[in-house]
Amino acid sequence: MSRTIIHTDKAPQAIGTYSQAVRAGDTVYLSGQIPLDPATKELVGGGIEAEIRQVFENLKAVAEAAGGTLAQAVKVNLYLTDLSHFPKVNEIMAQYFPQPYPARAAVGVAQLPKGARVEAECVLNLG
């Protein structure tokens, strides 16, 4: 099976040895996104709500670059440095992912790249 590397300037560039997303057949694997502003390459200000929203905006941009939407997500993994933010993630996620919602995991972690407090990755099925 061939694979296609997905890239967009509407989401932050990779800060390591990975691609923004990889498509294999009808499946697209989106790499984790932290709340970086694609223009400034800095973490967004405005508190945890703005950070969560930026994470989903970044995922949305990569999904669109792959020819899909977040409505086609089948799995989402969330990483939070403080699980007390989980209710706010649920509230904002519902604005980006329509029902029926994808499968999901939420994991509390000690640290994330660049001092981010939230990161999310997902898998799309474009079939």
C-alpha atoms as a PDB file:
ATOM      1  CA  MET A   1       0.000   0.000   0.000  1.00  0.00           C
ATOM      2  CA  SER A   2       1.339   3.404  -0.905  1.00  0.00           C
ATOM      3  CA  ARG A   3       1.423   6.292   1.503  1.00  0.00           C
ATOM      4  CA  THR A   4       1.066  10.010   0.991  1.00  0.00           C
ATOM      5  CA  ILE A   5       2.602  12.665   3.214  1.00  0.00           C
ATOM      6  CA  ILE A   6       0.172  15.462   4.105  1.00  0.00           C
ATOM      7  CA  HIS A   7       1.432  19.008   4.617  1.00  0.00           C
ATOM      8  CA  THR A   8      -0.227  22.387   5.106  1.00  0.00           C
ATOM      9  CA  ASP A   9       1.004  25.843   6.078  1.00  0.00           C
ATOM     10  CA  LYS A  10      -2.326  26.351   7.909  1.00  0.00           C
ATOM     11  CA  ALA A  11      -1.043  24.226  10.798  1.00  0.00           C
ATOM     12  CA  PRO A  12       2.286  24.355  12.641  1.00  0.00           C
ATOM     13  CA  GLN A  13       5.215  22.749  10.890  1.00  0.00           C
ATOM     14  CA  ALA A  14       6.628  19.575  12.400  1.00  0.00           C
ATOM     15  CA  ILE A  15       9.126  20.297  15.178  1.00  0.00           C
ATOM     16  CA  GLY A  16      10.773  16.908  14.939  1.00  0.00           C
ATOM     17  CA  THR A  17      11.209  13.860  12.777  1.00  0.00           C
ATOM     18  CA  TYR A  18       7.574  13.375  11.753  1.00  0.00           C
ATOM     19  CA  SER A  19       4.997  14.527   9.208  1.00  0.00           C
ATOM     20  CA  GLN A  20       1.832  16.490   9.959  1.00  0.00           C
ATOM     21  CA  ALA A  21      -0.123  13.496   8.655  1.00  0.00           C
ATOM     22  CA  VAL A  22       0.278  10.366   6.574  1.00  0.00           C
ATOM     23  CA  ARG A  23      -2.412   8.850   4.371  1.00  0.00           C
ATOM     24  CA  ALA A  24      -2.365   5.088   3.782  1.00  0.00           C
ATOM     25  CA  GLY A  25      -5.301   3.980   1.654  1.00  0.00           C
ATOM     26  CA  ASP A  26      -8.464   5.549   3.087  1.00  0.00           C
ATOM     27  CA  THR A  27      -6.875   6.086   6.511  1.00  0.00           C
ATOM     28  CA  VAL A  28      -5.163   9.314   7.536  1.00  0.00           C
ATOM     29  CA  TYR A  29      -3.024   9.434  10.679  1.00  0.00           C
ATOM     30  CA  LEU A  30      -2.764  12.990  12.008  1.00  0.00           C
ATOM     31  CA  SER A  31       0.218  13.707  14.235  1.00  0.00           C
ATOM     32  CA  GLY A  32      -0.289  15.304  17.613  1.00  0.00           C
ATOM     33  CA  GLN A  33      -1.012  19.012  17.586  1.00  0.00           C
ATOM     34  CA  ILE A  34      -0.203  21.394  20.415  1.00  0.00           C
ATOM     35  CA  PRO A  35      -1.595  24.953  20.626  1.00  0.00           C
ATOM     36  CA  LEU A  36       0.973  26.571  18.356  1.00  0.00           C
ATOM     37  CA  ASP A  37      -0.121  29.457  16.186  1.00  0.00           C
ATOM     38  CA  PRO A  38       0.982  28.445  12.668  1.00  0.00           C
ATOM     39  CA  ALA A  39       1.938  32.048  11.821  1.00  0.00           C
ATOM     40  CA  THR A  40       4.044  32.864  14.887  1.00  0.00           C
ATOM     41  CA  LYS A  41       5.129  29.307  15.774  1.00  0.00           C
ATOM     42  CA  GLU A  42       4.496  30.245  19.419  1.00  0.00           C
ATOM     43  CA  LEU A  43       1.963  28.910  21.919  1.00  0.00           C
ATOM     44  CA  VAL A  44      -1.254  30.909  21.777  1.00  0.00           C
ATOM     45  CA  GLY A  45      -2.126  33.150  24.686  1.00  0.00           C
ATOM     46  CA  GLY A  46      -5.528  33.583  26.247  1.00  0.00           C
ATOM     47  CA  GLY A  47      -5.684  30.692  28.675  1.00  0.00           C
ATOM     48  CA  ILE A  48      -6.574  27.037  28.457  1.00  0.00           C
ATOM     49  CA  GLU A  49      -9.737  27.585  26.384  1.00  0.00           C
ATOM     50  CA  ALA A  50      -7.744  29.335  23.650  1.00  0.00           C
ATOM     51  CA  GLU A  51      -5.126  26.587  23.787  1.00  0.00           C
ATOM     52  CA  ILE A  52      -7.694  23.803  23.395  1.00  0.00           C
ATOM     53  CA  ARG A  53      -9.395  25.643  20.549  1.00  0.00           C
ATOM     54  CA  GLN A  54      -6.041  26.123  18.739  1.00  0.00           C
ATOM     55  CA  VAL A  55      -5.265  22.403  19.031  1.00  0.00           C
ATOM     56  CA  PHE A  56      -8.546  21.558  17.294  1.00  0.00           C
ATOM     57  CA  GLU A  57      -8.044  24.310  14.687  1.00  0.00           C
ATOM     58  CA  ASN A  58      -4.649  22.794  13.882  1.00  0.00           C
ATOM     59  CA  LEU A  59      -6.123  19.294  13.577  1.00  0.00           C
ATOM     60  CA  LYS A  60      -8.919  20.675  11.387  1.00  0.00           C
ATOM     61  CA  ALA A  61      -6.389  22.326   9.044  1.00  0.00           C
ATOM     62  CA  VAL A  62      -4.412  19.095   8.641  1.00  0.00           C
ATOM     63  CA  ALA A  63      -7.602  17.063   8.103  1.00  0.00           C
ATOM     64  CA  GLU A  64      -8.665  19.485   5.364  1.00  0.00           C
ATOM     65  CA  ALA A  65      -5.209  19.301   3.750  1.00  0.00           C
ATOM     66  CA  ALA A  66      -5.716  15.528   3.595  1.00  0.00           C
ATOM     67  CA  GLY A  67      -9.016  16.025   1.766  1.00  0.00           C
ATOM     68  CA  GLY A  68     -11.179  15.275   4.785  1.00  0.00           C
ATOM     69  CA  THR A  69     -12.855  16.808   7.806  1.00  0.00           C
ATOM     70  CA  LEU A  70     -12.905  16.126  11.517  1.00  0.00           C
ATOM     71  CA  ALA A  71     -16.348  14.569  10.970  1.00  0.00           C
ATOM     72  CA  GLN A  72     -14.429  11.628   9.496  1.00  0.00           C
ATOM     73  CA  ALA A  73     -12.373  11.064  12.650  1.00  0.00           C
ATOM     74  CA  VAL A  74     -12.644   7.535  14.000  1.00  0.00           C
ATOM     75  CA  LYS A  75     -10.162   7.892  16.902  1.00  0.00           C
ATOM     76  CA  VAL A  76      -8.870  10.829  18.938  1.00  0.00           C
ATOM     77  CA  ASN A  77      -6.157  10.735  21.585  1.00  0.00           C
ATOM     78  CA  LEU A  78      -5.926  13.635  24.040  1.00  0.00           C
ATOM     79  CA  TYR A  79      -3.020  14.450  26.320  1.00  0.00           C
ATOM     80  CA  LEU A  80      -3.443  16.900  29.202  1.00  0.00           C
ATOM     81  CA  THR A  81      -0.971  18.080  31.808  1.00  0.00           C
ATOM     82  CA  ASP A  82      -3.917  18.826  34.107  1.00  0.00           C
ATOM     83  CA  LEU A  83      -6.969  16.566  33.916  1.00  0.00           C
ATOM     84  CA  SER A  84      -9.108  19.237  35.568  1.00  0.00           C
ATOM     85  CA  HIS A  85      -9.280  20.795  32.071  1.00  0.00           C
ATOM     86  CA  PHE A  86     -11.076  17.711  30.750  1.00  0.00           C
ATOM     87  CA  PRO A  87     -14.618  19.230  30.975  1.00  0.00           C
ATOM     88  CA  LYS A  88     -13.468  22.234  28.900  1.00  0.00           C
ATOM     89  CA  VAL A  89     -11.934  19.861  26.323  1.00  0.00           C
ATOM     90  CA  ASN A  90     -15.280  18.040  26.069  1.00  0.00           C
ATOM     91  CA  GLU A  91     -17.153  21.313  25.604  1.00  0.00           C
ATOM     92  CA  ILE A  92     -14.843  22.597  22.853  1.00  0.00           C
ATOM     93  CA  MET A  93     -14.376  19.216  21.164  1.00  0.00           C
ATOM     94  CA  ALA A  94     -18.154  19.012  20.643  1.00  0.00           C
ATOM     95  CA  GLN A  95     -17.862  22.163  18.498  1.00  0.00           C
ATOM     96  CA  TYR A  96     -15.364  20.471  16.145  1.00  0.00           C
ATOM     97  CA  PHE A  97     -16.526  16.837  16.029  1.00  0.00           C
ATOM     98  CA  PRO A  98     -20.180  16.085  15.191  1.00  0.00           C
ATOM     99  CA  GLN A  99     -22.090  13.141  16.632  1.00  0.00           C
ATOM    100  CA  PRO A 100     -21.636  10.276  16.554  1.00  0.00           C
ATOM    101  CA  TYR A 101     -18.333  11.123  18.219  1.00  0.00           C
ATOM    102  CA  PRO A 102     -15.140   9.215  17.426  1.00  0.00           C
ATOM    103  CA  ALA A 103     -13.557   6.759  19.829  1.00  0.00           C
ATOM    104  CA  ARG A 104     -11.263   8.592  22.232  1.00  0.00           C
ATOM    105  CA  ALA A 105      -8.649   8.278  24.931  1.00  0.00           C
ATOM    106  CA  ALA A 106      -7.609  10.999  27.388  1.00  0.00           C
ATOM    107  CA  VAL A 107      -4.296  10.685  29.159  1.00  0.00           C
ATOM    108  CA  GLY A 108      -2.798  12.777  31.930  1.00  0.00           C
ATOM    109  CA  VAL A 109       0.877  13.490  31.271  1.00  0.00           C
ATOM    110  CA  ALA A 110       3.650  15.260  33.152  1.00  0.00           C
ATOM    111  CA  GLN A 111       4.865  17.385  30.229  1.00  0.00           C
ATOM    112  CA  LEU A 112       4.190  18.211  26.600  1.00  0.00           C
ATOM    113  CA  PRO A 113       6.447  19.836  23.972  1.00  0.00           C
ATOM    114  CA  LYS A 114       7.135  23.570  24.341  1.00  0.00           C
ATOM    115  CA  GLY A 115       5.322  23.679  27.679  1.00  0.00           C
ATOM    116  CA  ALA A 116       1.898  23.074  26.102  1.00  0.00           C
ATOM    117  CA  ARG A 117      -0.924  21.969  28.400  1.00  0.00           C
ATOM    118  CA  VAL A 118      -2.909  20.046  25.794  1.00  0.00           C
ATOM    119  CA  GLU A 119      -2.171  17.941  22.712  1.00  0.00           C
ATOM    120  CA  ALA A 120      -4.448  15.929  20.447  1.00  0.00           C
ATOM    121  CA  GLU A 121      -3.966  13.506  17.581  1.00  0.00           C
ATOM    122  CA  CYS A 122      -6.513  11.644  15.515  1.00  0.00           C
ATOM    123  CA  VAL A 123      -7.154   9.088  12.811  1.00  0.00           C
ATOM    124  CA  LEU A 124      -9.526   9.765   9.903  1.00  0.00           C
ATOM    125  CA  ASN A 125     -11.247   7.293   7.627  1.00  0.00           C
ATOM    126  CA  LEU A 126     -11.906   8.891   4.249  1.00  0.00           C
ATOM    127  CA  GLY A 127     -13.611   5.830   2.743  1.00  0.00           C
END
